[in-house]
PDB file of N, CA and C in Angstrom:
ATOM      1  N   MET A   1      11.857 -41.752  -2.533  1.00  0.00           N
ATOM      2  CA  MET A   1      10.259 -41.635  -2.537  1.00  0.00           C
ATOM      3  C   MET A   1       9.640 -40.640  -1.974  1.00  0.00           C
ATOM      4  N   LEU A   2      10.124 -40.566  -0.624  1.00  0.00           N
ATOM      5  CA  LEU A   2       9.966 -39.420   0.296  1.00  0.00           C
ATOM      6  C   LEU A   2       9.982 -38.310  -0.032  1.00  0.00           C
ATOM      7  N   ALA A   3      11.506 -38.071  -0.608  1.00  0.00           N
ATOM      8  CA  ALA A   3      12.039 -36.910  -1.137  1.00  0.00           C
ATOM      9  C   ALA A   3      10.488 -36.363  -2.071  1.00  0.00           C
ATOM     10  N   ALA A   4      10.523 -37.191  -3.207  1.00  0.00           N
ATOM     11  CA  ALA A   4       9.519 -37.011  -4.247  1.00  0.00           C
ATOM     12  C   ALA A   4       8.576 -36.218  -3.791  1.00  0.00           C
ATOM     13  N   LEU A   5       7.909 -36.994  -2.740  1.00  0.00           N
ATOM     14  CA  LEU A   5       6.618 -36.610  -2.130  1.00  0.00           C
ATOM     15  C   LEU A   5       6.585 -35.508  -1.901  1.00  0.00           C
ATOM     16  N   SER A   6       7.625 -35.376  -0.631  1.00  0.00           N
ATOM     17  CA  SER A   6       7.510 -33.923  -0.366  1.00  0.00           C
ATOM     18  C   SER A   6       7.935 -32.707  -1.275  1.00  0.00           C
ATOM     19  N   THR A   7       8.328 -32.862  -2.490  1.00  0.00           N
ATOM     20  CA  THR A   7       8.893 -32.055  -3.762  1.00  0.00           C
ATOM     21  C   THR A   7       7.119 -31.661  -4.484  1.00  0.00           C
ATOM     22  N   LEU A   8       6.483 -32.572  -4.412  1.00  0.00           N
ATOM     23  CA  LEU A   8       5.303 -32.678  -4.999  1.00  0.00           C
ATOM     24  C   LEU A   8       4.545 -31.668  -4.440  1.00  0.00           C
ATOM     25  N   LEU A   9       3.747 -32.077  -2.743  1.00  0.00           N
ATOM     26  CA  LEU A   9       3.419 -31.417  -1.621  1.00  0.00           C
ATOM     27  C   LEU A   9       3.677 -29.891  -1.814  1.00  0.00           C
ATOM     28  N   ALA A  10       5.386 -29.768  -2.006  1.00  0.00           N
ATOM     29  CA  ALA A  10       5.244 -28.465  -2.040  1.00  0.00           C
ATOM     30  C   ALA A  10       4.477 -27.316  -2.480  1.00  0.00           C
ATOM     31  N   GLY A  11       4.407 -27.994  -4.169  1.00  0.00           N
ATOM     32  CA  GLY A  11       3.953 -26.432  -4.614  1.00  0.00           C
ATOM     33  C   GLY A  11       2.165 -26.332  -4.207  1.00  0.00           C
ATOM     34  N   CYS A  12       2.136 -27.275  -3.496  1.00  0.00           N
ATOM     35  CA  CYS A  12       0.375 -27.270  -3.006  1.00  0.00           C
ATOM     36  C   CYS A  12       0.226 -26.780  -1.443  1.00  0.00           C
ATOM     37  N   VAL A  13       1.337 -25.903  -1.240  1.00  0.00           N
ATOM     38  CA  VAL A  13       1.546 -24.721   0.050  1.00  0.00           C
ATOM     39  C   VAL A  13       0.535 -23.804  -0.236  1.00  0.00           C
ATOM     40  N   TYR A  14      -0.189 -23.465   0.455  1.00  0.00           N
ATOM     41  CA  TYR A  14      -1.229 -22.147   0.041  1.00  0.00           C
ATOM     42  C   TYR A  14      -0.668 -20.923   1.182  1.00  0.00           C
ATOM     43  N   ARG A  15       0.111 -19.882   0.482  1.00  0.00           N
ATOM     44  CA  ARG A  15       0.637 -18.512   0.651  1.00  0.00           C
ATOM     45  C   ARG A  15      -0.056 -17.333   0.565  1.00  0.00           C
ATOM     46  N   MET A  16      -0.682 -16.937   1.823  1.00  0.00           N
ATOM     47  CA  MET A  16      -1.618 -15.797   1.915  1.00  0.00           C
ATOM     48  C   MET A  16      -1.048 -15.159   1.382  1.00  0.00           C
ATOM     49  N   ASP A  17      -1.673 -13.639   0.997  1.00  0.00           N
ATOM     50  CA  ASP A  17      -1.736 -12.613   0.486  1.00  0.00           C
ATOM     51  C   ASP A  17      -0.925 -12.005   2.261  1.00  0.00           C
ATOM     52  N   ILE A  18      -0.068 -10.902   1.972  1.00  0.00           N
ATOM     53  CA  ILE A  18       0.316 -10.237   3.071  1.00  0.00           C
ATOM     54  C   ILE A  18       0.223  -8.513   2.289  1.00  0.00           C
ATOM     55  N   GLN A  19      -0.238  -7.984   3.395  1.00  0.00           N
ATOM     56  CA  GLN A  19      -0.537  -6.284   3.282  1.00  0.00           C
ATOM     57  C   GLN A  19      -0.192  -5.666   4.346  1.00  0.00           C
ATOM     58  N   GLN A  20       0.728  -4.460   4.040  1.00  0.00           N
ATOM     59  CA  GLN A  20       0.381  -3.948   5.304  1.00  0.00           C
ATOM     60  C   GLN A  20       0.693  -2.508   5.142  1.00  0.00           C
ATOM     61  N   GLY A  21       0.612  -1.657   5.917  1.00  0.00           N
ATOM     62  CA  GLY A  21       0.834  -0.196   5.601  1.00  0.00           C
ATOM     63  C   GLY A  21      -0.370   0.689   5.298  1.00  0.00           C
ATOM     64  N   ASN A  22      -0.049   1.718   4.673  1.00  0.00           N
ATOM     65  CA  ASN A  22      -1.459   2.613   4.284  1.00  0.00           C
ATOM     66  C   ASN A  22      -1.649   2.505   3.155  1.00  0.00           C
ATOM     67  N   TYR A  23      -2.787   2.166   2.248  1.00  0.00           N
ATOM     68  CA  TYR A  23      -3.856   1.965   1.521  1.00  0.00           C
ATOM     69  C   TYR A  23      -3.277   3.314   0.687  1.00  0.00           C
ATOM     70  N   LEU A  24      -2.635   2.978  -0.346  1.00  0.00           N
ATOM     71  CA  LEU A  24      -2.659   4.315  -1.195  1.00  0.00           C
ATOM     72  C   LEU A  24      -3.128   4.356  -2.578  1.00  0.00           C
ATOM     73  N   ASP A  25      -4.097   5.281  -2.360  1.00  0.00           N
ATOM     74  CA  ASP A  25      -4.831   5.123  -3.788  1.00  0.00           C
ATOM     75  C   ASP A  25      -4.008   6.265  -4.899  1.00  0.00           C
ATOM     76  N   GLY A  26      -3.547   6.291  -6.022  1.00  0.00           N
ATOM     77  CA  GLY A  26      -3.352   7.289  -6.552  1.00  0.00           C
ATOM     78  C   GLY A  26      -4.250   8.398  -6.778  1.00  0.00           C
ATOM     79  N   ARG A  27      -5.171   8.311  -6.724  1.00  0.00           N
ATOM     80  CA  ARG A  27      -6.066   9.712  -7.386  1.00  0.00           C
ATOM     81  C   ARG A  27      -6.298  10.249  -6.059  1.00  0.00           C
ATOM     82  N   THR A  28      -6.064   9.629  -4.652  1.00  0.00           N
ATOM     83  CA  THR A  28      -6.611  10.619  -3.459  1.00  0.00           C
ATOM     84  C   THR A  28      -4.907  11.282  -3.250  1.00  0.00           C
ATOM     85  N   VAL A  29      -3.682  10.480  -3.750  1.00  0.00           N
ATOM     86  CA  VAL A  29      -2.043  11.053  -3.598  1.00  0.00           C
ATOM     87  C   VAL A  29      -2.404  12.115  -4.350  1.00  0.00           C
ATOM     88  N   SER A  30      -2.836  11.840  -5.643  1.00  0.00           N
ATOM     89  CA  SER A  30      -2.657  13.466  -6.378  1.00  0.00           C
ATOM     90  C   SER A  30      -3.639  14.286  -6.067  1.00  0.00           C
ATOM     91  N   GLU A  31      -4.373  14.597  -5.137  1.00  0.00           N
ATOM     92  CA  GLU A  31      -5.314  15.597  -4.321  1.00  0.00           C
ATOM     93  C   GLU A  31      -4.378  16.676  -3.038  1.00  0.00           C
ATOM     94  N   LEU A  32      -3.235  15.536  -3.243  1.00  0.00           N
ATOM     95  CA  LEU A  32      -1.984  16.485  -1.958  1.00  0.00           C
ATOM     96  C   LEU A  32      -1.216  17.735  -2.443  1.00  0.00           C
ATOM     97  N   LYS A  33      -1.452  18.958  -2.266  1.00  0.00           N
ATOM     98  CA  LYS A  33      -0.621  19.817  -2.571  1.00  0.00           C
ATOM     99  C   LYS A  33       0.067  20.621  -1.489  1.00  0.00           C
ATOM    100  N   VAL A  34       0.981  21.258  -2.276  1.00  0.00           N
ATOM    101  CA  VAL A  34       1.803  22.272  -1.212  1.00  0.00           C
ATOM    102  C   VAL A  34       1.033  23.245  -0.249  1.00  0.00           C
ATOM    103  N   GLY A  35       1.072  23.780   0.833  1.00  0.00           N
ATOM    104  CA  GLY A  35       0.565  24.318   1.626  1.00  0.00           C
ATOM    105  C   GLY A  35      -0.658  23.909   2.254  1.00  0.00           C
ATOM    106  N   MET A  36      -0.767  22.662   2.477  1.00  0.00           N
ATOM    107  CA  MET A  36      -1.767  21.966   2.611  1.00  0.00           C
ATOM    108  C   MET A  36      -1.408  21.858   4.477  1.00  0.00           C
ATOM    109  N   THR A  37      -2.364  21.738   5.569  1.00  0.00           N
ATOM    110  CA  THR A  37      -2.008  22.066   7.172  1.00  0.00           C
ATOM    111  C   THR A  37      -1.830  20.132   7.169  1.00  0.00           C
ATOM    112  N   ARG A  38      -1.607  19.717   8.444  1.00  0.00           N
ATOM    113  CA  ARG A  38      -1.366  18.889   8.722  1.00  0.00           C
ATOM    114  C   ARG A  38      -2.878  18.064   8.660  1.00  0.00           C
ATOM    115  N   VAL A  39      -3.537  18.420   9.023  1.00  0.00           N
ATOM    116  CA  VAL A  39      -4.749  18.319   9.459  1.00  0.00           C
ATOM    117  C   VAL A  39      -5.636  17.816   8.298  1.00  0.00           C
ATOM    118  N   GLN A  40      -5.461  18.436   7.252  1.00  0.00           N
ATOM    119  CA  GLN A  40      -5.844  17.717   5.495  1.00  0.00           C
ATOM    120  C   GLN A  40      -5.083  16.973   5.306  1.00  0.00           C
ATOM    121  N   VAL A  41      -3.967  16.809   5.817  1.00  0.00           N
ATOM    122  CA  VAL A  41      -3.412  15.547   4.695  1.00  0.00           C
ATOM    123  C   VAL A  41      -3.365  14.417   5.653  1.00  0.00           C
ATOM    124  N   ARG A  42      -3.665  14.687   7.120  1.00  0.00           N
ATOM    125  CA  ARG A  42      -4.266  13.334   7.729  1.00  0.00           C
ATOM    126  C   ARG A  42      -5.967  12.880   7.393  1.00  0.00           C
ATOM    127  N   TYR A  43      -6.526  13.835   7.095  1.00  0.00           N
ATOM    128  CA  TYR A  43      -7.798  13.646   6.159  1.00  0.00           C
ATOM    129  C   TYR A  43      -7.791  12.984   5.479  1.00  0.00           C
ATOM    130  N   LEU A  44      -6.789  13.317   4.138  1.00  0.00           N
ATOM    131  CA  LEU A  44      -6.782  13.065   3.014  1.00  0.00           C
ATOM    132  C   LEU A  44      -5.835  11.626   2.831  1.00  0.00           C
ATOM    133  N   LEU A  45      -5.112  11.406   3.643  1.00  0.00           N
ATOM    134  CA  LEU A  45      -4.273  10.541   3.455  1.00  0.00           C
ATOM    135  C   LEU A  45      -4.292   9.468   4.668  1.00  0.00           C
ATOM    136  N   GLY A  46      -5.007   9.627   5.950  1.00  0.00           N
ATOM    137  CA  GLY A  46      -4.791   8.735   7.010  1.00  0.00           C
ATOM    138  C   GLY A  46      -3.580   9.301   8.364  1.00  0.00           C
ATOM    139  N   THR A  47      -3.674   8.370   8.764  1.00  0.00           N
ATOM    140  CA  THR A  47      -2.804   8.670   9.884  1.00  0.00           C
ATOM    141  C   THR A  47      -1.583   7.830   9.138  1.00  0.00           C
ATOM    142  N   PRO A  48       0.022   8.299   9.468  1.00  0.00           N
ATOM    143  CA  PRO A  48       0.752   8.048   8.765  1.00  0.00           C
ATOM    144  C   PRO A  48       1.790   6.793   9.184  1.00  0.00           C
ATOM    145  N   MET A  49       1.846   5.806   8.410  1.00  0.00           N
ATOM    146  CA  MET A  49       2.903   5.056   8.739  1.00  0.00           C
ATOM    147  C   MET A  49       4.041   5.323   9.944  1.00  0.00           C
ATOM    148  N   ILE A  50       4.697   6.060   9.322  1.00  0.00           N
ATOM    149  CA  ILE A  50       5.397   6.243   9.940  1.00  0.00           C
ATOM    150  C   ILE A  50       5.737   8.110  10.843  1.00  0.00           C
ATOM    151  N   ALA A  51       5.970   8.267  11.654  1.00  0.00           N
ATOM    152  CA  ALA A  51       6.359   9.369  11.812  1.00  0.00           C
ATOM    153  C   ALA A  51       6.875   9.393  13.096  1.00  0.00           C
ATOM    154  N   ASP A  52       8.320  10.446  12.232  1.00  0.00           N
ATOM    155  CA  ASP A  52       9.979  10.427  13.203  1.00  0.00           C
ATOM    156  C   ASP A  52       9.543  10.885  14.296  1.00  0.00           C
ATOM    157  N   VAL A  53      10.394  10.104  15.406  1.00  0.00           N
ATOM    158  CA  VAL A  53      10.490  11.195  16.434  1.00  0.00           C
ATOM    159  C   VAL A  53      11.130  12.271  16.596  1.00  0.00           C
ATOM    160  N   PHE A  54      12.734  11.817  15.544  1.00  0.00           N
ATOM    161  CA  PHE A  54      13.522  12.889  15.870  1.00  0.00           C
ATOM    162  C   PHE A  54      13.137  13.775  14.438  1.00  0.00           C
ATOM    163  N   ASP A  55      12.248  14.116  13.980  1.00  0.00           N
ATOM    164  CA  ASP A  55      11.864  14.791  12.875  1.00  0.00           C
ATOM    165  C   ASP A  55      10.240  14.796  12.361  1.00  0.00           C
ATOM    166  N   THR A  56       9.932  15.645  13.377  1.00  0.00           N
ATOM    167  CA  THR A  56       8.428  15.465  13.448  1.00  0.00           C
ATOM    168  C   THR A  56       8.167  16.683  12.237  1.00  0.00           C
ATOM    169  N   ASN A  57       8.729  17.149  11.501  1.00  0.00           N
ATOM    170  CA  ASN A  57       8.496  17.701   9.836  1.00  0.00           C
ATOM    171  C   ASN A  57       8.248  16.831   8.786  1.00  0.00           C
ATOM    172  N   ARG A  58       8.359  15.227   9.245  1.00  0.00           N
ATOM    173  CA  ARG A  58       8.231  14.490   7.911  1.00  0.00           C
ATOM    174  C   ARG A  58       7.145  13.357   8.423  1.00  0.00           C
ATOM    175  N   TRP A  59       7.003  12.867   7.342  1.00  0.00           N
ATOM    176  CA  TRP A  59       5.695  11.917   7.358  1.00  0.00           C
ATOM    177  C   TRP A  59       5.959  11.157   6.575  1.00  0.00           C
ATOM    178  N   ASP A  60       5.858   9.724   6.591  1.00  0.00           N
ATOM    179  CA  ASP A  60       5.909   8.674   5.360  1.00  0.00           C
ATOM    180  C   ASP A  60       4.688   7.702   5.613  1.00  0.00           C
ATOM    181  N   TYR A  61       4.300   7.457   4.634  1.00  0.00           N
ATOM    182  CA  TYR A  61       3.010   7.143   4.331  1.00  0.00           C
ATOM    183  C   TYR A  61       3.478   5.464   3.240  1.00  0.00           C
ATOM    184  N   VAL A  62       3.552   4.596   3.894  1.00  0.00           N
ATOM    185  CA  VAL A  62       4.249   3.415   3.251  1.00  0.00           C
ATOM    186  C   VAL A  62       2.939   2.233   2.649  1.00  0.00           C
ATOM    187  N   TYR A  63       3.109   1.614   1.500  1.00  0.00           N
ATOM    188  CA  TYR A  63       2.117   0.613   1.499  1.00  0.00           C
ATOM    189  C   TYR A  63       3.204  -0.796   1.134  1.00  0.00           C
ATOM    190  N   TYR A  64       2.797  -1.703   1.312  1.00  0.00           N
ATOM    191  CA  TYR A  64       3.654  -3.206   0.788  1.00  0.00           C
ATOM    192  C   TYR A  64       2.298  -4.440   0.834  1.00  0.00           C
ATOM    193  N   PHE A  65       2.524  -4.607  -0.253  1.00  0.00           N
ATOM    194  CA  PHE A  65       1.748  -5.979  -0.788  1.00  0.00           C
ATOM    195  C   PHE A  65       2.450  -7.280  -1.604  1.00  0.00           C
ATOM    196  N   LYS A  66       2.133  -8.581  -1.118  1.00  0.00           N
ATOM    197  CA  LYS A  66       2.712  -9.532  -1.491  1.00  0.00           C
ATOM    198  C   LYS A  66       1.513 -10.460  -1.997  1.00  0.00           C
ATOM    199  N   ARG A  67       1.718 -10.918  -2.931  1.00  0.00           N
ATOM    200  CA  ARG A  67       0.445 -12.085  -3.259  1.00  0.00           C
ATOM    201  C   ARG A  67       1.285 -13.444  -3.164  1.00  0.00           C
ATOM    202  N   GLY A  68       0.284 -13.813  -2.454  1.00  0.00           N
ATOM    203  CA  GLY A  68       0.930 -15.503  -2.169  1.00  0.00           C
ATOM    204  C   GLY A  68       2.551 -15.744  -3.165  1.00  0.00           C
ATOM    205  N   TYR A  69       2.400 -16.251  -3.976  1.00  0.00           N
ATOM    206  CA  TYR A  69       3.202 -16.615  -4.902  1.00  0.00           C
ATOM    207  C   TYR A  69       4.332 -15.810  -5.954  1.00  0.00           C
ATOM    208  N   ILE A  70       3.690 -14.557  -5.653  1.00  0.00           N
ATOM    209  CA  ILE A  70       4.401 -13.492  -6.571  1.00  0.00           C
ATOM    210  C   ILE A  70       5.472 -13.286  -5.776  1.00  0.00           C
ATOM    211  N   GLU A  71       6.870 -13.040  -6.549  1.00  0.00           N
ATOM    212  CA  GLU A  71       8.532 -13.188  -5.839  1.00  0.00           C
ATOM    213  C   GLU A  71       8.509 -11.718  -5.463  1.00  0.00           C
ATOM    214  N   ARG A  72       8.263 -11.071  -6.363  1.00  0.00           N
ATOM    215  CA  ARG A  72       8.348  -9.069  -6.302  1.00  0.00           C
ATOM    216  C   ARG A  72       7.231  -8.708  -5.490  1.00  0.00           C
ATOM    217  N   PRO A  73       7.572  -8.138  -4.221  1.00  0.00           N
ATOM    218  CA  PRO A  73       6.075  -7.616  -3.930  1.00  0.00           C
ATOM    219  C   PRO A  73       6.027  -5.912  -4.335  1.00  0.00           C
ATOM    220  N   ILE A  74       4.567  -5.540  -4.108  1.00  0.00           N
ATOM    221  CA  ILE A  74       4.289  -3.791  -4.651  1.00  0.00           C
ATOM    222  C   ILE A  74       4.476  -3.264  -3.363  1.00  0.00           C
ATOM    223  N   GLN A  75       5.272  -2.060  -3.710  1.00  0.00           N
ATOM    224  CA  GLN A  75       6.137  -1.113  -2.636  1.00  0.00           C
ATOM    225  C   GLN A  75       5.836   0.293  -3.076  1.00  0.00           C
ATOM    226  N   SER A  76       4.867   0.802  -2.398  1.00  0.00           N
ATOM    227  CA  SER A  76       4.900   2.207  -2.673  1.00  0.00           C
ATOM    228  C   SER A  76       4.730   3.214  -1.240  1.00  0.00           C
ATOM    229  N   ARG A  77       5.077   4.075  -1.806  1.00  0.00           N
ATOM    230  CA  ARG A  77       5.478   5.392  -0.524  1.00  0.00           C
ATOM    231  C   ARG A  77       5.373   6.733  -0.955  1.00  0.00           C
ATOM    232  N   VAL A  78       4.751   7.468   0.340  1.00  0.00           N
ATOM    233  CA  VAL A  78       4.543   8.705   0.128  1.00  0.00           C
ATOM    234  C   VAL A  78       5.440   9.790   1.227  1.00  0.00           C
ATOM    235  N   THR A  79       6.201  10.379   0.962  1.00  0.00           N
ATOM    236  CA  THR A  79       6.810  11.538   2.101  1.00  0.00           C
ATOM    237  C   THR A  79       6.368  12.353   2.089  1.00  0.00           C
ATOM    238  N   VAL A  80       5.940  13.379   3.045  1.00  0.00           N
ATOM    239  CA  VAL A  80       5.583  14.601   3.395  1.00  0.00           C
ATOM    240  C   VAL A  80       6.193  15.429   4.611  1.00  0.00           C
ATOM    241  N   PHE A  81       6.592  16.543   3.583  1.00  0.00           N
ATOM    242  CA  PHE A  81       7.594  17.258   4.393  1.00  0.00           C
ATOM    243  C   PHE A  81       6.606  18.343   4.927  1.00  0.00           C
ATOM    244  N   PHE A  82       6.877  18.588   6.307  1.00  0.00           N
ATOM    245  CA  PHE A  82       5.988  20.074   6.525  1.00  0.00           C
ATOM    246  C   PHE A  82       7.317  20.898   6.965  1.00  0.00           C
ATOM    247  N   HIS A  83       6.986  22.888   7.005  1.00  0.00           N
ATOM    248  CA  HIS A  83       7.657  23.890   7.843  1.00  0.00           C
ATOM    249  C   HIS A  83       6.430  24.850   8.064  1.00  0.00           C
ATOM    250  N   ASP A  84       6.565  25.174   9.025  1.00  0.00           N
ATOM    251  CA  ASP A  84       5.548  26.178  10.055  1.00  0.00           C
ATOM    252  C   ASP A  84       4.127  24.882   9.927  1.00  0.00           C
ATOM    253  N   GLY A  85       3.885  24.087   9.879  1.00  0.00           N
ATOM    254  CA  GLY A  85       2.629  23.393   9.962  1.00  0.00           C
ATOM    255  C   GLY A  85       1.933  22.733   8.495  1.00  0.00           C
ATOM    256  N   LYS A  86       2.737  23.236   7.742  1.00  0.00           N
ATOM    257  CA  LYS A  86       2.104  23.354   6.312  1.00  0.00           C
ATOM    258  C   LYS A  86       3.418  22.773   5.383  1.00  0.00           C
ATOM    259  N   VAL A  87       2.233  21.932   4.397  1.00  0.00           N
ATOM    260  CA  VAL A  87       3.354  20.433   3.410  1.00  0.00           C
ATOM    261  C   VAL A  87       4.290  22.120   2.721  1.00  0.00           C
ATOM    262  N   SER A  88       5.395  21.707   2.939  1.00  0.00           N
ATOM    263  CA  SER A  88       6.604  22.326   1.987  1.00  0.00           C
ATOM    264  C   SER A  88       7.120  21.633   0.793  1.00  0.00           C
ATOM    265  N   ARG A  89       6.966  20.110   0.732  1.00  0.00           N
ATOM    266  CA  ARG A  89       7.093  19.504  -0.714  1.00  0.00           C
ATOM    267  C   ARG A  89       6.780  17.776  -0.201  1.00  0.00           C
ATOM    268  N   PHE A  90       6.618  17.740  -0.928  1.00  0.00           N
ATOM    269  CA  PHE A  90       6.284  15.755  -1.101  1.00  0.00           C
ATOM    270  C   PHE A  90       7.138  15.039  -1.985  1.00  0.00           C
ATOM    271  N   ALA A  91       7.087  13.688  -1.865  1.00  0.00           N
ATOM    272  CA  ALA A  91       7.903  13.060  -2.708  1.00  0.00           C
ATOM    273  C   ALA A  91       6.907  11.595  -2.486  1.00  0.00           C
ATOM    274  N   LEU A  92       6.969  11.133  -3.874  1.00  0.00           N
ATOM    275  CA  LEU A  92       6.187  10.011  -4.418  1.00  0.00           C
ATOM    276  C   LEU A  92       6.915   9.101  -4.917  1.00  0.00           C
ATOM    277  N   TYR A  93       6.647   7.494  -4.574  1.00  0.00           N
ATOM    278  CA  TYR A  93       7.889   6.641  -5.119  1.00  0.00           C
ATOM    279  C   TYR A  93       6.999   5.635  -5.571  1.00  0.00           C
ATOM    280  N   ASN A  94       6.745   5.160  -6.509  1.00  0.00           N
ATOM    281  CA  ASN A  94       6.044   3.919  -7.333  1.00  0.00           C
ATOM    282  C   ASN A  94       4.021   4.142  -6.725  1.00  0.00           C
ATOM    283  N   VAL A  95       3.659   4.676  -6.419  1.00  0.00           N
ATOM    284  CA  VAL A  95       2.173   5.504  -6.451  1.00  0.00           C
ATOM    285  C   VAL A  95       1.626   4.952  -7.921  1.00  0.00           C
ATOM    286  N   PRO A  96       0.584   4.114  -7.257  1.00  0.00           N
ATOM    287  CA  PRO A  96      -0.100   3.989  -8.543  1.00  0.00           C
ATOM    288  C   PRO A  96      -1.237   5.166  -9.012  1.00  0.00           C
ATOM    289  N   LYS A  97      -1.302   4.672 -10.613  1.00  0.00           N
ATOM    290  CA  LYS A  97      -2.491   5.896 -10.754  1.00  0.00           C
ATOM    291  C   LYS A  97      -4.020   5.732 -10.352  1.00  0.00           C
ATOM    292  N   GLY A  98      -4.493   4.644 -10.328  1.00  0.00           N
ATOM    293  CA  GLY A  98      -5.557   4.530  -9.467  1.00  0.00           C
ATOM    294  C   GLY A  98      -5.830   3.501  -7.991  1.00  0.00           C
ATOM    295  N   GLN A  99      -6.467   2.198  -8.084  1.00  0.00           N
ATOM    296  CA  GLN A  99      -6.167   1.889  -6.721  1.00  0.00           C
ATOM    297  C   GLN A  99      -5.010   0.737  -6.823  1.00  0.00           C
ATOM    298  N   PRO A 100      -4.373   0.670  -5.928  1.00  0.00           N
ATOM    299  CA  PRO A 100      -3.280  -0.449  -5.587  1.00  0.00           C
ATOM    300  C   PRO A 100      -4.096  -1.783  -5.855  1.00  0.00           C
ATOM    301  N   ILE A 101      -3.281  -2.804  -5.693  1.00  0.00           N
ATOM    302  CA  ILE A 101      -3.780  -4.485  -5.498  1.00  0.00           C
ATOM    303  C   ILE A 101      -4.007  -4.371  -4.199  1.00  0.00           C
ATOM    304  N   ALA A 102      -5.071  -5.133  -4.143  1.00  0.00           N
ATOM    305  CA  ALA A 102      -5.577  -5.502  -2.489  1.00  0.00           C
ATOM    306  C   ALA A 102      -5.643  -6.787  -2.604  1.00  0.00           C
ATOM    307  N   PRO A 103      -5.655  -7.609  -1.402  1.00  0.00           N
ATOM    308  CA  PRO A 103      -6.444  -8.646  -1.180  1.00  0.00           C
ATOM    309  C   PRO A 103      -7.896  -8.616  -1.559  1.00  0.00           C
ATOM    310  N   GLY A 104      -8.688  -9.997  -1.210  1.00  0.00           N
ATOM    311  CA  GLY A 104     -10.181  -9.848  -0.915  1.00  0.00           C
ATOM    312  C   GLY A 104     -10.727  -9.169  -2.343  1.00  0.00           C
ATOM    313  N   LEU A 105      -9.872  -9.146  -3.768  1.00  0.00           N
ATOM    314  CA  LEU A 105     -10.689  -8.582  -4.954  1.00  0.00           C
ATOM    315  C   LEU A 105     -11.322  -9.985  -5.460  1.00  0.00           C
ATOM    316  N   LEU A 106     -12.599 -10.302  -5.478  1.00  0.00           N
ATOM    317  CA  LEU A 106     -13.376 -11.206  -5.920  1.00  0.00           C
ATOM    318  C   LEU A 106     -13.646 -10.803  -7.610  1.00  0.00           C
ATOM    319  N   PRO A 107     -14.098 -11.694  -8.192  1.00  0.00           N
ATOM    320  CA  PRO A 107     -14.674 -11.283  -9.378  1.00  0.00           C
ATOM    321  C   PRO A 107     -16.272 -11.139  -9.263  1.00  0.00           C
ATOM    322  N   SER A 108     -16.278 -10.432 -10.347  1.00  0.00           N
ATOM    323  CA  SER A 108     -18.173  -9.769 -10.726  1.00  0.00           C
ATOM    324  C   SER A 108     -18.923 -10.692 -10.249  1.00  0.00           C
ATOM    325  N   PRO A 109     -20.115 -11.115  -9.368  1.00  0.00           N
ATOM    326  CA  PRO A 109     -20.910 -11.844  -9.418  1.00  0.00           C
ATOM    327  C   PRO A 109     -21.447 -12.143 -10.488  1.00  0.00           C
ATOM    328  N   LYS A 110     -21.748 -11.431 -11.628  1.00  0.00           N
ATOM    329  CA  LYS A 110     -22.013 -11.855 -12.864  1.00  0.00           C
ATOM    330  C   LYS A 110     -21.492 -13.404 -13.319  1.00  0.00           C
ATOM    331  N   LYS A 111     -20.074 -13.254 -12.720  1.00  0.00           N
ATOM    332  CA  LYS A 111     -19.455 -14.068 -13.910  1.00  0.00           C
ATOM    333  C   LYS A 111     -19.672 -16.059 -12.827  1.00  0.00           C
ATOM    334  N   PHE A 112     -20.534 -15.766 -12.218  1.00  0.00           N
ATOM    335  CA  PHE A 112     -20.920 -17.205 -11.787  1.00  0.00           C
ATOM    336  C   PHE A 112     -22.352 -17.778 -11.908  1.00  0.00           C
ATOM    337  N   PRO A 113     -22.199 -18.778 -12.266  1.00  0.00           N
ATOM    338  CA  PRO A 113     -23.463 -19.359 -12.988  1.00  0.00           C
ATOM    339  C   PRO A 113     -25.053 -19.208 -11.732  1.00  0.00           C
ATOM    340  N   LEU A 114     -25.954 -18.752 -12.406  1.00  0.00           N
ATOM    341  CA  LEU A 114     -27.240 -18.940 -11.072  1.00  0.00           C
ATOM    342  C   LEU A 114     -27.902 -20.502 -11.315  1.00  0.00           C
ATOM    343  N   LEU A 115     -27.956 -20.421 -10.648  1.00  0.00           N
ATOM    344  CA  LEU A 115     -28.495 -22.110 -10.436  1.00  0.00           C
ATOM    345  C   LEU A 115     -29.754 -22.379  -9.968  1.00  0.00           C
TER     346      LEU A 115
END
């Protein structure tokens, strides 16, 4: 009896959304160009999540989001490589075309009935 009750209650446990890293908007990332300075990249994408201590010419922007019960998290990454203080190349991994999914997205107020 106790095992059946605990199995039923296990489905009622709230699992919060987990968001970590740099919020990578695809439209903003598309503005990244070879030849930009470090200041321009920082202005565009923000402070890198990972600035390698051993390789100062590489910045990694990482985004991770896991909605409560979704098994596969959403992961995105932008790696920027510099040479002489300017972007020499960059690599994009699973960057969305627009805004990524994020917690706190509520339905439009129009969907709520007025009392």
